[in-house]
Amino acid sequence: MKIAVTYDKEHGTVFQHFGKTEWFKVFEIEDGKVVSSEVVGNGGNGHHALPPYLKSLGVQTLILGNRGQGAIDAIAAAGLQEVPGITGSADEAARLFAAGELKGNPTARCMHHEH
């Protein structure tokens, strides 16, 4: 299974604004463990084009910080599962997800949007 985490390359943490994500860390998970990872760019995409792009990479689940309603809709439309409201280390988030221990916050939202 492939998962993607919105990624702050400078700090190694979960990037908090989905629509402005420049990088993703994509993890391959097998038997409850992370077996590989790679950092990929956003493919020149932003906001609503990001979920279909991730789907094209084979990603099934997205781990992220905050997102607006447009992103929530686009993630669902692309058929991705999401684990929102995650902070801290991207690697630790992936490890916890693989172990079935990552708890998201479905109410995590970007509050600066006017819609």
C-alpha atoms as a PDB file:
ATOM      1  CA  MET A   1       0.000   0.000   0.000  1.00  0.00           C
ATOM      2  CA  LYS A   2       1.201   3.501  -0.797  1.00  0.00           C
ATOM      3  CA  ILE A   3       0.529   6.467   1.440  1.00  0.00           C
ATOM      4  CA  ALA A   4       1.570  10.084   1.005  1.00  0.00           C
ATOM      5  CA  VAL A   5       2.316  12.650   3.687  1.00  0.00           C
ATOM      6  CA  THR A   6       2.298  16.381   2.979  1.00  0.00           C
ATOM      7  CA  TYR A   7       5.957  17.183   3.555  1.00  0.00           C
ATOM      8  CA  ASP A   8       8.018  20.087   4.833  1.00  0.00           C
ATOM      9  CA  LYS A   9      11.430  19.099   3.441  1.00  0.00           C
ATOM     10  CA  GLU A  10      13.322  21.565   5.597  1.00  0.00           C
ATOM     11  CA  HIS A  11      12.016  20.199   8.893  1.00  0.00           C
ATOM     12  CA  GLY A  12      10.928  16.641   8.022  1.00  0.00           C
ATOM     13  CA  THR A  13       7.452  17.365   9.332  1.00  0.00           C
ATOM     14  CA  VAL A  14       3.877  17.154   8.091  1.00  0.00           C
ATOM     15  CA  PHE A  15       3.211  20.298   6.036  1.00  0.00           C
ATOM     16  CA  GLN A  16       0.128  22.032   7.397  1.00  0.00           C
ATOM     17  CA  HIS A  17      -1.531  23.651   4.334  1.00  0.00           C
ATOM     18  CA  PHE A  18      -2.548  20.946   1.867  1.00  0.00           C
ATOM     19  CA  GLY A  19      -3.241  23.209  -1.117  1.00  0.00           C
ATOM     20  CA  LYS A  20       0.207  24.800  -0.925  1.00  0.00           C
ATOM     21  CA  THR A  21       2.145  21.568  -0.469  1.00  0.00           C
ATOM     22  CA  GLU A  22       5.290  21.551  -2.601  1.00  0.00           C
ATOM     23  CA  TRP A  23       6.498  18.109  -1.496  1.00  0.00           C
ATOM     24  CA  PHE A  24       5.072  14.766  -0.477  1.00  0.00           C
ATOM     25  CA  LYS A  25       6.837  11.912   1.212  1.00  0.00           C
ATOM     26  CA  VAL A  26       5.454   8.714  -0.283  1.00  0.00           C
ATOM     27  CA  PHE A  27       5.758   5.550   1.778  1.00  0.00           C
ATOM     28  CA  GLU A  28       5.296   1.927   0.779  1.00  0.00           C
ATOM     29  CA  ILE A  29       3.747  -0.110   3.574  1.00  0.00           C
ATOM     30  CA  GLU A  30       3.709  -3.891   3.837  1.00  0.00           C
ATOM     31  CA  ASP A  31       2.708  -6.121   6.735  1.00  0.00           C
ATOM     32  CA  GLY A  32       2.262  -3.191   9.118  1.00  0.00           C
ATOM     33  CA  LYS A  33       5.686  -1.693   8.426  1.00  0.00           C
ATOM     34  CA  VAL A  34       7.193   1.044   6.275  1.00  0.00           C
ATOM     35  CA  VAL A  35       9.412  -0.688   3.724  1.00  0.00           C
ATOM     36  CA  SER A  36      10.469   2.293   1.604  1.00  0.00           C
ATOM     37  CA  SER A  37       9.954   5.997   1.093  1.00  0.00           C
ATOM     38  CA  GLU A  38      10.714   8.714  -1.405  1.00  0.00           C
ATOM     39  CA  VAL A  39      10.196  12.456  -1.555  1.00  0.00           C
ATOM     40  CA  VAL A  40       8.337  13.669  -4.636  1.00  0.00           C
ATOM     41  CA  GLY A  41       7.389  17.125  -5.814  1.00  0.00           C
ATOM     42  CA  ASN A  42       3.812  18.223  -6.339  1.00  0.00           C
ATOM     43  CA  GLY A  43       4.084  17.740 -10.104  1.00  0.00           C
ATOM     44  CA  GLY A  44       3.410  21.443 -10.630  1.00  0.00           C
ATOM     45  CA  ASN A  45      -0.060  20.935  -9.181  1.00  0.00           C
ATOM     46  CA  GLY A  46      -1.824  22.825  -6.446  1.00  0.00           C
ATOM     47  CA  HIS A  47      -5.068  22.694  -4.532  1.00  0.00           C
ATOM     48  CA  HIS A  48      -7.719  20.626  -6.359  1.00  0.00           C
ATOM     49  CA  ALA A  49      -5.263  19.024  -8.808  1.00  0.00           C
ATOM     50  CA  LEU A  50      -3.179  17.444  -6.040  1.00  0.00           C
ATOM     51  CA  PRO A  51      -5.484  14.520  -5.176  1.00  0.00           C
ATOM     52  CA  PRO A  52      -5.735  13.166  -8.758  1.00  0.00           C
ATOM     53  CA  TYR A  53      -1.966  13.588  -9.082  1.00  0.00           C
ATOM     54  CA  LEU A  54      -1.400  11.521  -5.922  1.00  0.00           C
ATOM     55  CA  LYS A  55      -3.851   8.897  -7.153  1.00  0.00           C
ATOM     56  CA  SER A  56      -1.840   8.670 -10.406  1.00  0.00           C
ATOM     57  CA  LEU A  57       1.219   7.822  -8.291  1.00  0.00           C
ATOM     58  CA  GLY A  58      -0.640   4.877  -6.756  1.00  0.00           C
ATOM     59  CA  VAL A  59      -1.304   6.587  -3.425  1.00  0.00           C
ATOM     60  CA  GLN A  60      -4.315   5.248  -1.528  1.00  0.00           C
ATOM     61  CA  THR A  61      -4.173   7.245   1.708  1.00  0.00           C
ATOM     62  CA  LEU A  62      -3.132  10.831   2.375  1.00  0.00           C
ATOM     63  CA  ILE A  63      -1.808  12.024   5.736  1.00  0.00           C
ATOM     64  CA  LEU A  64      -1.975  15.793   6.105  1.00  0.00           C
ATOM     65  CA  GLY A  65      -2.357  18.729   8.422  1.00  0.00           C
ATOM     66  CA  ASN A  66      -5.151  21.142   7.590  1.00  0.00           C
ATOM     67  CA  ARG A  67      -7.278  21.541   4.474  1.00  0.00           C
ATOM     68  CA  GLY A  68     -10.196  23.596   3.242  1.00  0.00           C
ATOM     69  CA  GLN A  69     -13.556  22.331   2.012  1.00  0.00           C
ATOM     70  CA  GLY A  70     -12.420  22.361  -1.622  1.00  0.00           C
ATOM     71  CA  ALA A  71      -9.540  20.056  -0.774  1.00  0.00           C
ATOM     72  CA  ILE A  72     -11.809  17.792   1.280  1.00  0.00           C
ATOM     73  CA  ASP A  73     -14.108  17.462  -1.730  1.00  0.00           C
ATOM     74  CA  ALA A  74     -11.223  16.903  -4.182  1.00  0.00           C
ATOM     75  CA  ILE A  75      -9.623  14.252  -1.946  1.00  0.00           C
ATOM     76  CA  ALA A  76     -12.932  12.387  -1.719  1.00  0.00           C
ATOM     77  CA  ALA A  77     -13.582  12.736  -5.474  1.00  0.00           C
ATOM     78  CA  ALA A  78     -10.165  11.217  -6.224  1.00  0.00           C
ATOM     79  CA  GLY A  79     -11.041   8.216  -4.058  1.00  0.00           C
ATOM     80  CA  LEU A  80      -8.284   8.827  -1.535  1.00  0.00           C
ATOM     81  CA  GLN A  81      -8.629   8.057   2.137  1.00  0.00           C
ATOM     82  CA  GLU A  82      -7.385  10.862   4.370  1.00  0.00           C
ATOM     83  CA  VAL A  83      -5.974  11.204   7.870  1.00  0.00           C
ATOM     84  CA  PRO A  84      -6.122  14.954   8.600  1.00  0.00           C
ATOM     85  CA  GLY A  85      -4.965  17.026  11.556  1.00  0.00           C
ATOM     86  CA  ILE A  86      -1.554  15.386  11.863  1.00  0.00           C
ATOM     87  CA  THR A  87       1.471  17.357  13.105  1.00  0.00           C
ATOM     88  CA  GLY A  88       5.097  16.511  13.807  1.00  0.00           C
ATOM     89  CA  SER A  89       7.427  14.073  12.088  1.00  0.00           C
ATOM     90  CA  ALA A  90       6.280  12.733   8.714  1.00  0.00           C
ATOM     91  CA  ASP A  91       8.261   9.526   9.261  1.00  0.00           C
ATOM     92  CA  GLU A  92       6.661   8.957  12.658  1.00  0.00           C
ATOM     93  CA  ALA A  93       3.193   9.598  11.216  1.00  0.00           C
ATOM     94  CA  ALA A  94       3.827   6.963   8.538  1.00  0.00           C
ATOM     95  CA  ARG A  95       5.147   4.499  11.119  1.00  0.00           C
ATOM     96  CA  LEU A  96       2.091   5.006  13.318  1.00  0.00           C
ATOM     97  CA  PHE A  97      -0.233   4.656  10.322  1.00  0.00           C
ATOM     98  CA  ALA A  98       1.450   1.417   9.271  1.00  0.00           C
ATOM     99  CA  ALA A  99       0.997   0.066  12.795  1.00  0.00           C
ATOM    100  CA  GLY A 100      -2.679   1.105  12.829  1.00  0.00           C
ATOM    101  CA  GLU A 101      -2.055   3.651  15.591  1.00  0.00           C
ATOM    102  CA  LEU A 102      -2.380   7.036  13.836  1.00  0.00           C
ATOM    103  CA  LYS A 103      -5.389   9.029  15.023  1.00  0.00           C
ATOM    104  CA  GLY A 104      -6.505  11.856  12.768  1.00  0.00           C
ATOM    105  CA  ASN A 105      -8.735  14.819  13.480  1.00  0.00           C
ATOM    106  CA  PRO A 106     -11.534  14.959  10.887  1.00  0.00           C
ATOM    107  CA  THR A 107     -12.409  18.528  11.896  1.00  0.00           C
ATOM    108  CA  ALA A 108      -8.909  19.881  11.041  1.00  0.00           C
ATOM    109  CA  ARG A 109      -9.452  22.796   8.658  1.00  0.00           C
ATOM    110  CA  CYS A 110      -7.654  25.746   7.135  1.00  0.00           C
ATOM    111  CA  MET A 111      -9.454  28.652   8.734  1.00  0.00           C
ATOM    112  CA  HIS A 112      -8.235  31.413   6.404  1.00  0.00           C
ATOM    113  CA  HIS A 113     -10.526  30.480   3.510  1.00  0.00           C
ATOM    114  CA  GLU A 114     -13.424  32.827   2.860  1.00  0.00           C
ATOM    115  CA  HIS A 115     -15.692  30.022   1.581  1.00  0.00           C
END
